[in-house]
């Protein structure tokens, strides 16, 4: 209900969403969820099903594995996504 209200808010529609993903305790046990089907569903819901404007993606507390995966996938991302993804590592 709150997410629907945020989508209906004219200020949010104009300014967009900042998505923050916290990977603090994410380790090898979460890699099994990174299947091509799940990644396709995440892409489909994020960019095609939800009528929202995404201003930035912030990846917080990314471990070594996540850092390597993002570094490898960054050249294959479209330019507009490459510029809005930022990684923040806090120790």
PDB file of N, CA and C in Angstrom:
ATOM      1  N   UNK A   1       0.825  -1.186   0.000  1.00  0.00           N
ATOM      2  CA  UNK A   1       0.000   0.000   0.000  1.00  0.00           C
ATOM      3  C   UNK A   1       0.874   1.257   0.000  1.00  0.00           C
ATOM      4  N   UNK A   2       1.935   1.257   0.791  1.00  0.00           N
ATOM      5  CA  UNK A   2       2.802   2.431   0.846  1.00  0.00           C
ATOM      6  C   UNK A   2       3.529   2.614  -0.483  1.00  0.00           C
ATOM      7  N   UNK A   3       3.943   1.510  -1.116  1.00  0.00           N
ATOM      8  CA  UNK A   3       4.637   1.615  -2.400  1.00  0.00           C
ATOM      9  C   UNK A   3       3.718   2.173  -3.477  1.00  0.00           C
ATOM     10  N   UNK A   4       2.451   1.802  -3.454  1.00  0.00           N
ATOM     11  CA  UNK A   4       1.501   2.326  -4.438  1.00  0.00           C
ATOM     12  C   UNK A   4       1.308   3.818  -4.226  1.00  0.00           C
ATOM     13  N   UNK A   5       1.222   4.248  -2.979  1.00  0.00           N
ATOM     14  CA  UNK A   5       1.072   5.676  -2.700  1.00  0.00           C
ATOM     15  C   UNK A   5       2.304   6.455  -3.147  1.00  0.00           C
ATOM     16  N   UNK A   6       3.474   5.868  -2.966  1.00  0.00           N
ATOM     17  CA  UNK A   6       4.695   6.542  -3.423  1.00  0.00           C
ATOM     18  C   UNK A   6       4.715   6.675  -4.940  1.00  0.00           C
ATOM     19  N   UNK A   7       4.170   5.689  -5.649  1.00  0.00           N
ATOM     20  CA  UNK A   7       4.104   5.781  -7.107  1.00  0.00           C
ATOM     21  C   UNK A   7       3.104   6.836  -7.560  1.00  0.00           C
ATOM     22  N   UNK A   8       2.049   7.047  -6.788  1.00  0.00           N
ATOM     23  CA  UNK A   8       1.021   8.023  -7.153  1.00  0.00           C
ATOM     24  C   UNK A   8       1.410   9.455  -6.806  1.00  0.00           C
ATOM     25  N   UNK A   9       2.363   9.631  -5.926  1.00  0.00           N
ATOM     26  CA  UNK A   9       2.760  10.962  -5.481  1.00  0.00           C
ATOM     27  C   UNK A   9       3.420  11.719  -6.640  1.00  0.00           C
ATOM     28  N   UNK A  10       2.919  12.911  -7.004  1.00  0.00           N
ATOM     29  CA  UNK A  10       3.502  13.650  -8.129  1.00  0.00           C
ATOM     30  C   UNK A  10       4.956  14.065  -7.907  1.00  0.00           C
ATOM     31  N   UNK A  11       5.324  14.333  -6.663  1.00  0.00           N
ATOM     32  CA  UNK A  11       6.715  14.719  -6.385  1.00  0.00           C
ATOM     33  C   UNK A  11       7.653  13.544  -6.655  1.00  0.00           C
ATOM     34  N   UNK A  12       7.251  12.347  -6.260  1.00  0.00           N
ATOM     35  CA  UNK A  12       8.068  11.162  -6.514  1.00  0.00           C
ATOM     36  C   UNK A  12       8.144  10.868  -8.004  1.00  0.00           C
ATOM     37  N   UNK A  13       7.053  11.073  -8.707  1.00  0.00           N
ATOM     38  CA  UNK A  13       7.064  10.831 -10.151  1.00  0.00           C
ATOM     39  C   UNK A  13       8.024  11.780 -10.857  1.00  0.00           C
ATOM     40  N   UNK A  14       8.135  12.994 -10.371  1.00  0.00           N
ATOM     41  CA  UNK A  14       9.028  13.970 -11.005  1.00  0.00           C
ATOM     42  C   UNK A  14      10.485  13.754 -10.616  1.00  0.00           C
ATOM     43  N   UNK A  15      10.734  13.470  -9.321  1.00  0.00           N
ATOM     44  CA  UNK A  15      12.120  13.371  -8.865  1.00  0.00           C
ATOM     45  C   UNK A  15      12.685  11.960  -8.970  1.00  0.00           C
ATOM     46  N   UNK A  16      11.886  10.914  -8.806  1.00  0.00           N
ATOM     47  CA  UNK A  16      12.334   9.538  -8.958  1.00  0.00           C
ATOM     48  C   UNK A  16      12.718   8.884  -7.644  1.00  0.00           C
ATOM     49  N   UNK A  17      13.110   7.616  -7.744  1.00  0.00           N
ATOM     50  CA  UNK A  17      13.481   6.798  -6.597  1.00  0.00           C
ATOM     51  C   UNK A  17      14.992   6.625  -6.537  1.00  0.00           C
ATOM     52  N   UNK A  18      15.526   6.580  -5.332  1.00  0.00           N
ATOM     53  CA  UNK A  18      16.895   6.144  -5.081  1.00  0.00           C
ATOM     54  C   UNK A  18      16.799   4.793  -4.396  1.00  0.00           C
ATOM     55  N   UNK A  19      17.310   3.764  -5.034  1.00  0.00           N
ATOM     56  CA  UNK A  19      17.253   2.414  -4.488  1.00  0.00           C
ATOM     57  C   UNK A  19      18.543   2.151  -3.714  1.00  0.00           C
ATOM     58  N   UNK A  20      18.416   1.678  -2.483  1.00  0.00           N
ATOM     59  CA  UNK A  20      19.572   1.374  -1.643  1.00  0.00           C
ATOM     60  C   UNK A  20      19.526  -0.110  -1.304  1.00  0.00           C
ATOM     61  N   UNK A  21      20.548  -0.835  -1.717  1.00  0.00           N
ATOM     62  CA  UNK A  21      20.664  -2.259  -1.423  1.00  0.00           C
ATOM     63  C   UNK A  21      21.804  -2.446  -0.436  1.00  0.00           C
ATOM     64  N   UNK A  22      21.495  -3.049   0.720  1.00  0.00           N
ATOM     65  CA  UNK A  22      22.504  -3.284   1.754  1.00  0.00           C
ATOM     66  C   UNK A  22      22.889  -4.759   1.726  1.00  0.00           C
ATOM     67  N   UNK A  23      24.149  -5.034   1.476  1.00  0.00           N
ATOM     68  CA  UNK A  23      24.654  -6.398   1.372  1.00  0.00           C
ATOM     69  C   UNK A  23      25.529  -6.757   2.568  1.00  0.00           C
ATOM     70  N   UNK A  24      25.161  -6.322   3.749  1.00  0.00           N
ATOM     71  CA  UNK A  24      26.040  -6.490   4.905  1.00  0.00           C
ATOM     72  C   UNK A  24      26.346  -7.958   5.207  1.00  0.00           C
ATOM     73  N   UNK A  25      25.377  -8.809   5.345  1.00  0.00           N
ATOM     74  CA  UNK A  25      25.638 -10.206   5.685  1.00  0.00           C
ATOM     75  C   UNK A  25      25.402 -11.136   4.502  1.00  0.00           C
ATOM     76  N   UNK A  26      25.513 -10.633   3.304  1.00  0.00           N
ATOM     77  CA  UNK A  26      25.319 -11.460   2.115  1.00  0.00           C
ATOM     78  C   UNK A  26      26.623 -12.171   1.786  1.00  0.00           C
ATOM     79  N   UNK A  27      26.560 -13.473   1.709  1.00  0.00           N
ATOM     80  CA  UNK A  27      27.744 -14.257   1.401  1.00  0.00           C
ATOM     81  C   UNK A  27      27.456 -15.239   0.284  1.00  0.00           C
ATOM     82  N   UNK A  28      28.127 -16.372   0.345  1.00  0.00           N
ATOM     83  CA  UNK A  28      27.962 -17.389  -0.688  1.00  0.00           C
ATOM     84  C   UNK A  28      26.553 -17.969  -0.717  1.00  0.00           C
ATOM     85  N   UNK A  29      25.855 -17.960   0.407  1.00  0.00           N
ATOM     86  CA  UNK A  29      24.530 -18.580   0.446  1.00  0.00           C
ATOM     87  C   UNK A  29      23.508 -17.834  -0.403  1.00  0.00           C
ATOM     88  N   UNK A  30      23.767 -16.590  -0.763  1.00  0.00           N
ATOM     89  CA  UNK A  30      22.825 -15.828  -1.581  1.00  0.00           C
ATOM     90  C   UNK A  30      23.141 -15.898  -3.071  1.00  0.00           C
ATOM     91  N   UNK A  31      24.268 -16.469  -3.433  1.00  0.00           N
ATOM     92  CA  UNK A  31      24.618 -16.580  -4.846  1.00  0.00           C
ATOM     93  C   UNK A  31      23.657 -17.520  -5.562  1.00  0.00           C
ATOM     94  N   UNK A  32      23.112 -18.507  -4.845  1.00  0.00           N
ATOM     95  CA  UNK A  32      22.191 -19.448  -5.483  1.00  0.00           C
ATOM     96  C   UNK A  32      20.914 -18.766  -5.967  1.00  0.00           C
ATOM     97  N   UNK A  33      20.603 -17.580  -5.462  1.00  0.00           N
ATOM     98  CA  UNK A  33      19.417 -16.852  -5.913  1.00  0.00           C
ATOM     99  C   UNK A  33      19.696 -15.992  -7.138  1.00  0.00           C
ATOM    100  N   UNK A  34      20.916 -15.917  -7.573  1.00  0.00           N
ATOM    101  CA  UNK A  34      21.271 -15.114  -8.734  1.00  0.00           C
ATOM    102  C   UNK A  34      21.162 -15.887 -10.038  1.00  0.00           C
ATOM    103  N   UNK A  35      20.122 -16.684 -10.183  1.00  0.00           N
ATOM    104  CA  UNK A  35      19.923 -17.446 -11.413  1.00  0.00           C
ATOM    105  C   UNK A  35      19.485 -16.515 -12.541  1.00  0.00           C
ATOM    106  N   UNK A  36      19.681 -16.921 -13.778  1.00  0.00           N
ATOM    107  CA  UNK A  36      19.228 -16.071 -14.894  1.00  0.00           C
ATOM    108  C   UNK A  36      17.732 -15.765 -14.843  1.00  0.00           C
ATOM    109  N   UNK A  37      16.925 -16.719 -14.396  1.00  0.00           N
ATOM    110  CA  UNK A  37      15.479 -16.482 -14.312  1.00  0.00           C
ATOM    111  C   UNK A  37      15.166 -15.405 -13.277  1.00  0.00           C
ATOM    112  N   UNK A  38      15.799 -15.474 -12.104  1.00  0.00           N
ATOM    113  CA  UNK A  38      15.557 -14.465 -11.071  1.00  0.00           C
ATOM    114  C   UNK A  38      16.066 -13.092 -11.494  1.00  0.00           C
ATOM    115  N   UNK A  39      17.206 -13.039 -12.166  1.00  0.00           N
ATOM    116  CA  UNK A  39      17.724 -11.762 -12.644  1.00  0.00           C
ATOM    117  C   UNK A  39      16.821 -11.175 -13.727  1.00  0.00           C
ATOM    118  N   UNK A  40      16.259 -12.034 -14.583  1.00  0.00           N
ATOM    119  CA  UNK A  40      15.317 -11.556 -15.588  1.00  0.00           C
ATOM    120  C   UNK A  40      14.059 -11.004 -14.923  1.00  0.00           C
ATOM    121  N   UNK A  41      13.544 -11.697 -13.898  1.00  0.00           N
ATOM    122  CA  UNK A  41      12.356 -11.207 -13.192  1.00  0.00           C
ATOM    123  C   UNK A  41      12.633  -9.880 -12.498  1.00  0.00           C
ATOM    124  N   UNK A  42      13.803  -9.733 -11.905  1.00  0.00           N
ATOM    125  CA  UNK A  42      14.169  -8.471 -11.266  1.00  0.00           C
ATOM    126  C   UNK A  42      14.225  -7.344 -12.295  1.00  0.00           C
ATOM    127  N   UNK A  43      14.815  -7.618 -13.437  1.00  0.00           N
ATOM    128  CA  UNK A  43      14.876  -6.614 -14.505  1.00  0.00           C
ATOM    129  C   UNK A  43      13.482  -6.285 -15.018  1.00  0.00           C
ATOM    130  N   UNK A  44      12.655  -7.304 -15.221  1.00  0.00           N
ATOM    131  CA  UNK A  44      11.313  -7.082 -15.764  1.00  0.00           C
ATOM    132  C   UNK A  44      10.465  -6.237 -14.817  1.00  0.00           C
ATOM    133  N   UNK A  45      10.494  -6.558 -13.532  1.00  0.00           N
ATOM    134  CA  UNK A  45       9.701  -5.793 -12.562  1.00  0.00           C
ATOM    135  C   UNK A  45      10.260  -4.384 -12.404  1.00  0.00           C
ATOM    136  N   UNK A  46      11.576  -4.248 -12.365  1.00  0.00           N
ATOM    137  CA  UNK A  46      12.180  -2.935 -12.128  1.00  0.00           C
ATOM    138  C   UNK A  46      11.983  -1.971 -13.282  1.00  0.00           C
ATOM    139  N   UNK A  47      12.133  -2.434 -14.505  1.00  0.00           N
ATOM    140  CA  UNK A  47      12.158  -1.507 -15.634  1.00  0.00           C
ATOM    141  C   UNK A  47      10.926  -1.562 -16.523  1.00  0.00           C
ATOM    142  N   UNK A  48      10.186  -2.669 -16.521  1.00  0.00           N
ATOM    143  CA  UNK A  48       9.072  -2.790 -17.438  1.00  0.00           C
ATOM    144  C   UNK A  48       7.714  -2.802 -16.745  1.00  0.00           C
ATOM    145  N   UNK A  49       7.619  -3.374 -15.554  1.00  0.00           N
ATOM    146  CA  UNK A  49       6.316  -3.506 -14.904  1.00  0.00           C
ATOM    147  C   UNK A  49       5.977  -2.325 -13.996  1.00  0.00           C
ATOM    148  N   UNK A  50       6.971  -1.759 -13.315  1.00  0.00           N
ATOM    149  CA  UNK A  50       6.714  -0.629 -12.416  1.00  0.00           C
ATOM    150  C   UNK A  50       6.915   0.685 -13.149  1.00  0.00           C
ATOM    151  N   UNK A  51       5.894   1.521 -13.184  1.00  0.00           N
ATOM    152  CA  UNK A  51       6.032   2.814 -13.871  1.00  0.00           C
ATOM    153  C   UNK A  51       6.745   3.831 -12.995  1.00  0.00           C
ATOM    154  N   UNK A  52       8.038   3.665 -12.834  1.00  0.00           N
ATOM    155  CA  UNK A  52       8.782   4.545 -11.932  1.00  0.00           C
ATOM    156  C   UNK A  52      10.057   5.029 -12.611  1.00  0.00           C
ATOM    157  N   UNK A  53      10.550   6.123 -12.098  1.00  0.00           N
ATOM    158  CA  UNK A  53      11.820   6.689 -12.560  1.00  0.00           C
ATOM    159  C   UNK A  53      12.867   6.406 -11.484  1.00  0.00           C
ATOM    160  N   UNK A  54      13.946   5.737 -11.855  1.00  0.00           N
ATOM    161  CA  UNK A  54      15.001   5.396 -10.915  1.00  0.00           C
ATOM    162  C   UNK A  54      16.171   6.346 -11.122  1.00  0.00           C
ATOM    163  N   UNK A  55      16.498   7.094 -10.084  1.00  0.00           N
ATOM    164  CA  UNK A  55      17.559   8.092 -10.166  1.00  0.00           C
ATOM    165  C   UNK A  55      18.912   7.476  -9.851  1.00  0.00           C
ATOM    166  N   UNK A  56      18.955   6.551  -8.899  1.00  0.00           N
ATOM    167  CA  UNK A  56      20.228   5.966  -8.530  1.00  0.00           C
ATOM    168  C   UNK A  56      20.073   4.649  -7.814  1.00  0.00           C
ATOM    169  N   UNK A  57      21.064   3.803  -7.978  1.00  0.00           N
ATOM    170  CA  UNK A  57      21.168   2.548  -7.250  1.00  0.00           C
ATOM    171  C   UNK A  57      22.424   2.636  -6.401  1.00  0.00           C
ATOM    172  N   UNK A  58      22.274   2.473  -5.112  1.00  0.00           N
ATOM    173  CA  UNK A  58      23.411   2.536  -4.199  1.00  0.00           C
ATOM    174  C   UNK A  58      23.606   1.149  -3.600  1.00  0.00           C
ATOM    175  N   UNK A  59      24.753   0.567  -3.830  1.00  0.00           N
ATOM    176  CA  UNK A  59      25.102  -0.735  -3.288  1.00  0.00           C
ATOM    177  C   UNK A  59      25.995  -0.497  -2.082  1.00  0.00           C
ATOM    178  N   UNK A  60      25.495  -0.849  -0.900  1.00  0.00           N
ATOM    179  CA  UNK A  60      26.180  -0.547   0.354  1.00  0.00           C
ATOM    180  C   UNK A  60      26.694  -1.846   0.964  1.00  0.00           C
ATOM    181  N   UNK A  61      27.879  -1.789   1.545  1.00  0.00           N
ATOM    182  CA  UNK A  61      28.522  -2.920   2.222  1.00  0.00           C
ATOM    183  C   UNK A  61      28.689  -4.120   1.298  1.00  0.00           C
ATOM    184  N   UNK A  62      29.160  -3.885   0.101  1.00  0.00           N
ATOM    185  CA  UNK A  62      29.357  -4.959  -0.869  1.00  0.00           C
ATOM    186  C   UNK A  62      30.621  -5.723  -0.499  1.00  0.00           C
ATOM    187  N   UNK A  63      30.519  -7.063  -0.471  1.00  0.00           N
ATOM    188  CA  UNK A  63      31.692  -7.863  -0.146  1.00  0.00           C
ATOM    189  C   UNK A  63      32.559  -8.044  -1.392  1.00  0.00           C
ATOM    190  N   UNK A  64      33.613  -8.813  -1.279  1.00  0.00           N
ATOM    191  CA  UNK A  64      34.577  -8.981  -2.365  1.00  0.00           C
ATOM    192  C   UNK A  64      33.919  -9.630  -3.579  1.00  0.00           C
ATOM    193  N   UNK A  65      33.069 -10.620  -3.343  1.00  0.00           N
ATOM    194  CA  UNK A  65      32.402 -11.316  -4.445  1.00  0.00           C
ATOM    195  C   UNK A  65      31.490 -10.357  -5.204  1.00  0.00           C
ATOM    196  N   UNK A  66      30.703  -9.588  -4.485  1.00  0.00           N
ATOM    197  CA  UNK A  66      29.817  -8.620  -5.126  1.00  0.00           C
ATOM    198  C   UNK A  66      30.582  -7.558  -5.878  1.00  0.00           C
ATOM    199  N   UNK A  67      31.703  -7.140  -5.326  1.00  0.00           N
ATOM    200  CA  UNK A  67      32.538  -6.143  -5.994  1.00  0.00           C
ATOM    201  C   UNK A  67      33.071  -6.679  -7.320  1.00  0.00           C
ATOM    202  N   UNK A  68      33.500  -7.935  -7.323  1.00  0.00           N
ATOM    203  CA  UNK A  68      33.994  -8.551  -8.554  1.00  0.00           C
ATOM    204  C   UNK A  68      32.868  -8.684  -9.575  1.00  0.00           C
ATOM    205  N   UNK A  69      31.681  -9.127  -9.132  1.00  0.00           N
ATOM    206  CA  UNK A  69      30.554  -9.295 -10.056  1.00  0.00           C
ATOM    207  C   UNK A  69      30.111  -7.969 -10.667  1.00  0.00           C
ATOM    208  N   UNK A  70      30.072  -6.928  -9.866  1.00  0.00           N
ATOM    209  CA  UNK A  70      29.678  -5.615 -10.396  1.00  0.00           C
ATOM    210  C   UNK A  70      30.739  -5.093 -11.355  1.00  0.00           C
ATOM    211  N   UNK A  71      32.005  -5.290 -11.026  1.00  0.00           N
ATOM    212  CA  UNK A  71      33.085  -4.835 -11.901  1.00  0.00           C
ATOM    213  C   UNK A  71      33.060  -5.572 -13.238  1.00  0.00           C
ATOM    214  N   UNK A  72      32.769  -6.874 -13.209  1.00  0.00           N
ATOM    215  CA  UNK A  72      32.698  -7.648 -14.449  1.00  0.00           C
ATOM    216  C   UNK A  72      31.489  -7.247 -15.284  1.00  0.00           C
ATOM    217  N   UNK A  73      30.351  -7.003 -14.637  1.00  0.00           N
ATOM    218  CA  UNK A  73      29.125  -6.711 -15.385  1.00  0.00           C
ATOM    219  C   UNK A  73      29.021  -5.254 -15.829  1.00  0.00           C
ATOM    220  N   UNK A  74      29.794  -4.360 -15.257  1.00  0.00           N
ATOM    221  CA  UNK A  74      29.683  -2.927 -15.579  1.00  0.00           C
ATOM    222  C   UNK A  74      29.893  -2.608 -17.068  1.00  0.00           C
ATOM    223  N   UNK A  75      30.844  -3.220 -17.785  1.00  0.00           N
ATOM    224  CA  UNK A  75      30.985  -2.889 -19.214  1.00  0.00           C
ATOM    225  C   UNK A  75      29.795  -3.324 -20.072  1.00  0.00           C
ATOM    226  N   UNK A  76      29.007  -4.284 -19.604  1.00  0.00           N
ATOM    227  CA  UNK A  76      27.884  -4.782 -20.383  1.00  0.00           C
ATOM    228  C   UNK A  76      26.583  -4.044 -20.094  1.00  0.00           C
ATOM    229  N   UNK A  77      26.592  -3.164 -19.106  1.00  0.00           N
ATOM    230  CA  UNK A  77      25.386  -2.411 -18.763  1.00  0.00           C
ATOM    231  C   UNK A  77      25.182  -1.266 -19.743  1.00  0.00           C
ATOM    232  N   UNK A  78      23.924  -0.892 -19.983  1.00  0.00           N
ATOM    233  CA  UNK A  78      23.693   0.309 -20.793  1.00  0.00           C
ATOM    234  C   UNK A  78      24.284   1.536 -20.101  1.00  0.00           C
ATOM    235  N   UNK A  79      24.598   2.554 -20.871  1.00  0.00           N
ATOM    236  CA  UNK A  79      25.279   3.736 -20.328  1.00  0.00           C
ATOM    237  C   UNK A  79      24.466   4.430 -19.245  1.00  0.00           C
ATOM    238  N   UNK A  80      23.138   4.515 -19.404  1.00  0.00           N
ATOM    239  CA  UNK A  80      22.355   5.220 -18.394  1.00  0.00           C
ATOM    240  C   UNK A  80      22.335   4.469 -17.073  1.00  0.00           C
ATOM    241  N   UNK A  81      22.412   3.140 -17.097  1.00  0.00           N
ATOM    242  CA  UNK A  81      22.466   2.375 -15.847  1.00  0.00           C
ATOM    243  C   UNK A  81      23.871   2.439 -15.262  1.00  0.00           C
ATOM    244  N   UNK A  82      24.875   2.433 -16.114  1.00  0.00           N
ATOM    245  CA  UNK A  82      26.257   2.494 -15.635  1.00  0.00           C
ATOM    246  C   UNK A  82      26.519   3.769 -14.837  1.00  0.00           C
ATOM    247  N   UNK A  83      25.867   4.862 -15.197  1.00  0.00           N
ATOM    248  CA  UNK A  83      26.095   6.131 -14.514  1.00  0.00           C
ATOM    249  C   UNK A  83      25.305   6.270 -13.219  1.00  0.00           C
ATOM    250  N   UNK A  84      24.225   5.501 -13.048  1.00  0.00           N
ATOM    251  CA  UNK A  84      23.427   5.670 -11.832  1.00  0.00           C
ATOM    252  C   UNK A  84      23.740   4.633 -10.764  1.00  0.00           C
ATOM    253  N   UNK A  85      24.576   3.638 -11.067  1.00  0.00           N
ATOM    254  CA  UNK A  85      24.956   2.632 -10.075  1.00  0.00           C
ATOM    255  C   UNK A  85      26.211   3.107  -9.356  1.00  0.00           C
ATOM    256  N   UNK A  86      26.141   3.163  -8.026  1.00  0.00           N
ATOM    257  CA  UNK A  86      27.326   3.527  -7.245  1.00  0.00           C
ATOM    258  C   UNK A  86      27.502   2.534  -6.110  1.00  0.00           C
ATOM    259  N   UNK A  87      28.749   2.253  -5.776  1.00  0.00           N
ATOM    260  CA  UNK A  87      29.054   1.314  -4.704  1.00  0.00           C
ATOM    261  C   UNK A  87      29.678   2.072  -3.551  1.00  0.00           C
ATOM    262  N   UNK A  88      29.172   1.800  -2.360  1.00  0.00           N
ATOM    263  CA  UNK A  88      29.698   2.408  -1.138  1.00  0.00           C
ATOM    264  C   UNK A  88      30.128   1.288  -0.211  1.00  0.00           C
ATOM    265  N   UNK A  89      31.391   1.271   0.163  1.00  0.00           N
ATOM    266  CA  UNK A  89      31.916   0.240   1.046  1.00  0.00           C
ATOM    267  C   UNK A  89      32.224   0.879   2.385  1.00  0.00           C
ATOM    268  N   UNK A  90      31.529   0.424   3.415  1.00  0.00           N
ATOM    269  CA  UNK A  90      31.757   0.916   4.774  1.00  0.00           C
ATOM    270  C   UNK A  90      32.304  -0.221   5.611  1.00  0.00           C
ATOM    271  N   UNK A  91      33.334   0.053   6.389  1.00  0.00           N
ATOM    272  CA  UNK A  91      33.897  -0.978   7.253  1.00  0.00           C
ATOM    273  C   UNK A  91      33.728  -0.605   8.696  1.00  0.00           C
TER     274      UNK A  91
END
